[in-house]
Amino acid sequence: MGANVKSLVSTMLLLSMTLPCAAESSVGVGGAGARISFSINVPPVFKVLQTTPKAGGHEYLVWVNMKTISINGKDHRFTRVGETTLFLPSSTDAFIVHGL
């Protein structure tokens, strides 16, 4: 039993004399920093909620998530995103207005 105690004491002495871990005792490292960035792609939405025939064309109640849309090559600008009305004059050209 004496040999086991000597071995245990010598092991404890060796462990107490070891140097602390370098990663824990390094000087000057007090924090970490990182940058993260991400982007979100929102697909365009143009949804016709209601259509009303008017003199000279049609008035559409639409919901959009863009401030500008293009119909038959003509840009239509809105003051805000969301529900709005759009008047399109009658045309001899055929075109389709539909939700995406």
N, C-alpha and C. Protein backbone atom coordinates (compact mmCIF):
# COMPACT_ATOMS: atom_id res chain seq x y z
N MET A 1 0.81 -1.18 0.00
CA MET A 1 0.00 0.00 0.00
C MET A 1 0.86 1.25 0.00
N GLY A 2 2.04 1.15 0.53
CA GLY A 2 2.94 2.28 0.57
C GLY A 2 3.38 2.73 -0.81
N ALA A 3 3.52 1.79 -1.76
CA ALA A 3 3.92 2.14 -3.12
C ALA A 3 2.82 2.91 -3.83
N ASN A 4 1.58 2.51 -3.56
CA ASN A 4 0.44 3.21 -4.17
C ASN A 4 0.33 4.64 -3.65
N VAL A 5 0.57 4.85 -2.37
CA VAL A 5 0.50 6.19 -1.80
C VAL A 5 1.63 7.05 -2.37
N LYS A 6 2.85 6.47 -2.48
CA LYS A 6 3.96 7.22 -3.06
C LYS A 6 3.65 7.61 -4.50
N SER A 7 3.08 6.70 -5.26
CA SER A 7 2.72 6.98 -6.65
C SER A 7 1.66 8.08 -6.73
N LEU A 8 0.70 8.02 -5.86
CA LEU A 8 -0.36 9.02 -5.83
C LEU A 8 0.20 10.39 -5.46
N VAL A 9 1.07 10.45 -4.47
CA VAL A 9 1.67 11.72 -4.05
C VAL A 9 2.55 12.29 -5.16
N SER A 10 3.33 11.46 -5.80
CA SER A 10 4.19 11.97 -6.86
C SER A 10 3.36 12.45 -8.05
N THR A 11 2.28 11.77 -8.36
CA THR A 11 1.39 12.21 -9.44
C THR A 11 0.77 13.56 -9.11
N MET A 12 0.33 13.74 -7.88
CA MET A 12 -0.26 15.00 -7.45
C MET A 12 0.78 16.13 -7.52
N LEU A 13 2.02 15.88 -7.14
CA LEU A 13 3.06 16.89 -7.22
C LEU A 13 3.34 17.28 -8.67
N LEU A 14 3.37 16.30 -9.55
CA LEU A 14 3.62 16.59 -10.96
C LEU A 14 2.47 17.41 -11.57
N LEU A 15 1.25 17.07 -11.22
CA LEU A 15 0.11 17.82 -11.74
C LEU A 15 0.09 19.25 -11.23
N SER A 16 0.48 19.45 -9.98
CA SER A 16 0.47 20.82 -9.44
C SER A 16 1.58 21.68 -10.04
N MET A 17 2.61 21.06 -10.61
CA MET A 17 3.73 21.81 -11.16
C MET A 17 3.56 22.10 -12.66
N THR A 18 2.55 21.56 -13.30
CA THR A 18 2.38 21.79 -14.73
C THR A 18 1.95 23.22 -14.98
N LEU A 19 2.30 23.74 -16.15
CA LEU A 19 1.94 25.10 -16.53
C LEU A 19 0.47 25.17 -16.92
N PRO A 20 -0.18 26.29 -16.67
CA PRO A 20 -1.58 26.41 -17.10
C PRO A 20 -1.67 26.41 -18.63
N CYS A 21 -2.81 26.13 -19.12
CA CYS A 21 -3.04 26.07 -20.57
C CYS A 21 -2.77 27.44 -21.19
N ALA A 22 -2.10 27.49 -22.31
CA ALA A 22 -1.74 28.75 -22.96
C ALA A 22 -2.96 29.50 -23.46
N ALA A 23 -3.98 28.78 -23.89
CA ALA A 23 -5.17 29.44 -24.41
C ALA A 23 -5.92 30.19 -23.32
N GLU A 24 -5.87 29.69 -22.10
CA GLU A 24 -6.58 30.33 -21.01
C GLU A 24 -5.76 31.46 -20.39
N SER A 25 -4.45 31.41 -20.53
CA SER A 25 -3.62 32.38 -19.84
C SER A 25 -2.99 33.41 -20.77
N SER A 26 -3.40 33.46 -22.02
CA SER A 26 -2.79 34.41 -22.94
C SER A 26 -3.19 35.84 -22.57
N VAL A 27 -2.24 36.73 -22.67
CA VAL A 27 -2.46 38.11 -22.28
C VAL A 27 -2.96 38.90 -23.49
N GLY A 28 -3.91 39.78 -23.27
CA GLY A 28 -4.39 40.66 -24.32
C GLY A 28 -5.62 40.17 -25.05
N VAL A 29 -6.06 38.98 -24.79
CA VAL A 29 -7.26 38.48 -25.44
C VAL A 29 -8.40 38.63 -24.45
N GLY A 30 -9.20 39.69 -24.66
CA GLY A 30 -10.29 39.94 -23.73
C GLY A 30 -11.65 39.81 -24.36
N GLY A 31 -11.71 39.59 -25.67
CA GLY A 31 -13.01 39.48 -26.32
C GLY A 31 -12.85 39.01 -27.74
N ALA A 32 -13.95 38.84 -28.39
CA ALA A 32 -13.95 38.39 -29.77
C ALA A 32 -14.96 39.20 -30.55
N GLY A 33 -14.72 39.35 -31.80
CA GLY A 33 -15.66 40.09 -32.65
C GLY A 33 -15.83 39.38 -33.97
N ALA A 34 -16.99 39.59 -34.56
CA ALA A 34 -17.26 38.96 -35.85
C ALA A 34 -18.28 39.81 -36.59
N ARG A 35 -18.32 39.66 -37.88
CA ARG A 35 -19.31 40.33 -38.70
C ARG A 35 -20.19 39.28 -39.34
N ILE A 36 -21.47 39.60 -39.41
CA ILE A 36 -22.41 38.72 -40.08
C ILE A 36 -23.31 39.59 -40.93
N SER A 37 -23.59 39.15 -42.11
CA SER A 37 -24.49 39.90 -42.98
C SER A 37 -25.36 38.90 -43.73
N PHE A 38 -26.55 39.34 -44.07
CA PHE A 38 -27.44 38.51 -44.83
C PHE A 38 -28.33 39.40 -45.68
N SER A 39 -28.89 38.84 -46.71
CA SER A 39 -29.80 39.59 -47.58
C SER A 39 -31.06 38.77 -47.80
N ILE A 40 -32.14 39.48 -48.00
CA ILE A 40 -33.43 38.85 -48.22
C ILE A 40 -33.93 39.27 -49.59
N ASN A 41 -34.28 38.32 -50.41
CA ASN A 41 -34.84 38.61 -51.72
C ASN A 41 -36.35 38.43 -51.64
N VAL A 42 -37.07 39.52 -51.91
CA VAL A 42 -38.53 39.49 -51.89
C VAL A 42 -39.03 39.53 -53.32
N PRO A 43 -39.74 38.50 -53.76
CA PRO A 43 -40.23 38.52 -55.14
C PRO A 43 -41.33 39.56 -55.30
N PRO A 44 -41.46 40.15 -56.49
CA PRO A 44 -42.50 41.15 -56.71
C PRO A 44 -43.89 40.52 -56.70
N VAL A 45 -44.85 41.26 -56.15
CA VAL A 45 -46.23 40.78 -56.08
C VAL A 45 -47.14 41.86 -56.66
N PHE A 46 -48.00 41.48 -57.59
CA PHE A 46 -49.01 42.35 -58.17
C PHE A 46 -50.28 41.52 -58.23
N LYS A 47 -51.22 41.82 -57.34
CA LYS A 47 -52.43 41.01 -57.24
C LYS A 47 -53.66 41.88 -57.48
N VAL A 48 -54.50 41.49 -58.42
CA VAL A 48 -55.74 42.21 -58.71
C VAL A 48 -56.81 41.72 -57.74
N LEU A 49 -57.35 42.65 -56.95
CA LEU A 49 -58.37 42.31 -55.98
C LEU A 49 -59.79 42.51 -56.52
N GLN A 50 -59.95 43.54 -57.37
CA GLN A 50 -61.28 43.86 -57.91
C GLN A 50 -61.10 44.66 -59.18
N THR A 51 -62.01 44.49 -60.12
CA THR A 51 -62.00 45.28 -61.35
C THR A 51 -63.38 45.91 -61.55
N THR A 52 -63.37 47.17 -61.98
CA THR A 52 -64.61 47.91 -62.20
C THR A 52 -64.54 48.59 -63.57
N PRO A 53 -65.51 48.32 -64.45
CA PRO A 53 -65.52 49.03 -65.73
C PRO A 53 -65.85 50.51 -65.51
N LYS A 54 -65.10 51.38 -66.13
CA LYS A 54 -65.33 52.83 -66.06
C LYS A 54 -65.37 53.37 -67.48
N ALA A 55 -65.83 54.57 -67.63
CA ALA A 55 -65.84 55.21 -68.95
C ALA A 55 -64.40 55.37 -69.43
N GLY A 56 -64.12 54.79 -70.57
CA GLY A 56 -62.79 54.93 -71.16
C GLY A 56 -61.78 53.90 -70.69
N GLY A 57 -62.20 52.93 -69.87
CA GLY A 57 -61.23 51.92 -69.43
C GLY A 57 -61.74 51.10 -68.25
N HIS A 58 -60.81 50.62 -67.46
CA HIS A 58 -61.13 49.83 -66.27
C HIS A 58 -60.34 50.36 -65.08
N GLU A 59 -60.98 50.31 -63.92
CA GLU A 59 -60.29 50.67 -62.67
C GLU A 59 -60.05 49.37 -61.90
N TYR A 60 -58.81 49.18 -61.49
CA TYR A 60 -58.43 47.96 -60.79
C TYR A 60 -58.05 48.31 -59.36
N LEU A 61 -58.55 47.52 -58.42
CA LEU A 61 -58.09 47.58 -57.04
C LEU A 61 -57.01 46.51 -56.94
N VAL A 62 -55.78 46.93 -56.67
CA VAL A 62 -54.65 46.00 -56.69
C VAL A 62 -53.88 46.09 -55.38
N TRP A 63 -53.13 45.02 -55.12
CA TRP A 63 -52.18 45.01 -54.00
C TRP A 63 -50.81 44.78 -54.60
N VAL A 64 -49.87 45.67 -54.28
CA VAL A 64 -48.50 45.57 -54.81
C VAL A 64 -47.50 45.71 -53.68
N ASN A 65 -46.34 45.09 -53.83
CA ASN A 65 -45.26 45.31 -52.87
C ASN A 65 -44.10 46.08 -53.51
N MET A 66 -44.43 46.78 -54.61
CA MET A 66 -43.45 47.61 -55.32
C MET A 66 -44.06 48.99 -55.51
N LYS A 67 -43.24 49.99 -55.69
CA LYS A 67 -43.76 51.33 -55.95
C LYS A 67 -43.92 51.60 -57.43
N THR A 68 -43.35 50.77 -58.29
CA THR A 68 -43.46 50.93 -59.73
C THR A 68 -43.69 49.58 -60.37
N ILE A 69 -44.65 49.53 -61.31
CA ILE A 69 -44.85 48.33 -62.12
C ILE A 69 -44.88 48.74 -63.58
N SER A 70 -44.66 47.80 -64.45
CA SER A 70 -44.68 48.06 -65.88
C SER A 70 -45.71 47.16 -66.53
N ILE A 71 -46.68 47.77 -67.23
CA ILE A 71 -47.70 47.03 -67.95
C ILE A 71 -47.64 47.49 -69.41
N ASN A 72 -47.43 46.54 -70.30
CA ASN A 72 -47.29 46.83 -71.73
C ASN A 72 -46.23 47.89 -72.00
N GLY A 73 -45.15 47.86 -71.26
CA GLY A 73 -44.05 48.79 -71.48
C GLY A 73 -44.25 50.17 -70.86
N LYS A 74 -45.37 50.40 -70.20
CA LYS A 74 -45.63 51.69 -69.56
C LYS A 74 -45.50 51.55 -68.05
N ASP A 75 -44.69 52.43 -67.44
CA ASP A 75 -44.50 52.39 -65.99
C ASP A 75 -45.65 53.07 -65.27
N HIS A 76 -46.12 52.43 -64.23
CA HIS A 76 -47.15 52.99 -63.35
C HIS A 76 -46.55 53.12 -61.97
N ARG A 77 -46.55 54.32 -61.42
CA ARG A 77 -45.94 54.58 -60.11
C ARG A 77 -47.03 54.76 -59.06
N PHE A 78 -46.75 54.23 -57.86
CA PHE A 78 -47.68 54.33 -56.75
C PHE A 78 -47.03 55.13 -55.62
N THR A 79 -47.84 55.78 -54.83
CA THR A 79 -47.30 56.59 -53.72
C THR A 79 -46.87 55.72 -52.55
N ARG A 80 -47.44 54.52 -52.46
CA ARG A 80 -47.09 53.64 -51.34
C ARG A 80 -47.24 52.18 -51.77
N VAL A 81 -46.68 51.33 -50.98
CA VAL A 81 -46.79 49.89 -51.18
C VAL A 81 -48.05 49.42 -50.46
N GLY A 82 -48.78 48.49 -51.07
CA GLY A 82 -49.99 47.96 -50.46
C GLY A 82 -51.16 48.07 -51.42
N GLU A 83 -52.35 48.24 -50.85
CA GLU A 83 -53.56 48.30 -51.65
C GLU A 83 -53.73 49.69 -52.26
N THR A 84 -54.00 49.72 -53.56
CA THR A 84 -54.17 50.98 -54.27
C THR A 84 -55.04 50.74 -55.51
N THR A 85 -55.47 51.83 -56.15
CA THR A 85 -56.27 51.70 -57.37
C THR A 85 -55.42 52.06 -58.57
N LEU A 86 -55.75 51.45 -59.69
CA LEU A 86 -55.02 51.65 -60.93
C LEU A 86 -56.05 51.76 -62.05
N PHE A 87 -56.00 52.85 -62.79
CA PHE A 87 -56.90 53.03 -63.94
C PHE A 87 -56.12 52.78 -65.22
N LEU A 88 -56.66 51.88 -66.03
CA LEU A 88 -56.05 51.60 -67.32
C LEU A 88 -57.07 51.92 -68.40
N PRO A 89 -56.72 52.81 -69.32
CA PRO A 89 -57.64 53.16 -70.39
C PRO A 89 -57.86 51.98 -71.33
N SER A 90 -59.01 51.98 -71.99
CA SER A 90 -59.30 50.93 -72.97
C SER A 90 -58.29 51.00 -74.09
N SER A 91 -57.97 49.87 -74.64
CA SER A 91 -56.97 49.82 -75.69
C SER A 91 -57.42 48.83 -76.75
N THR A 92 -56.97 49.06 -77.94
CA THR A 92 -57.24 48.10 -79.01
C THR A 92 -56.30 46.91 -78.89
N ASP A 93 -55.16 47.10 -78.20
CA ASP A 93 -54.23 46.00 -77.96
C ASP A 93 -54.78 45.12 -76.86
N ALA A 94 -54.55 43.84 -76.97
CA ALA A 94 -54.97 42.91 -75.92
C ALA A 94 -53.87 42.77 -74.89
N PHE A 95 -54.22 42.84 -73.63
CA PHE A 95 -53.28 42.57 -72.55
C PHE A 95 -54.02 41.95 -71.38
N ILE A 96 -53.29 41.26 -70.57
CA ILE A 96 -53.89 40.55 -69.44
C ILE A 96 -53.28 41.10 -68.15
N VAL A 97 -54.14 41.43 -67.20
CA VAL A 97 -53.68 41.83 -65.88
C VAL A 97 -54.04 40.67 -64.94
N HIS A 98 -53.04 40.15 -64.28
CA HIS A 98 -53.30 39.00 -63.40
C HIS A 98 -52.36 39.05 -62.22
N GLY A 99 -52.68 38.31 -61.20
CA GLY A 99 -51.81 38.20 -60.02
C GLY A 99 -50.69 37.22 -60.30
N LEU A 100 -49.54 37.49 -59.72
CA LEU A 100 -48.40 36.58 -59.91
C LEU A 100 -48.44 35.48 -58.89
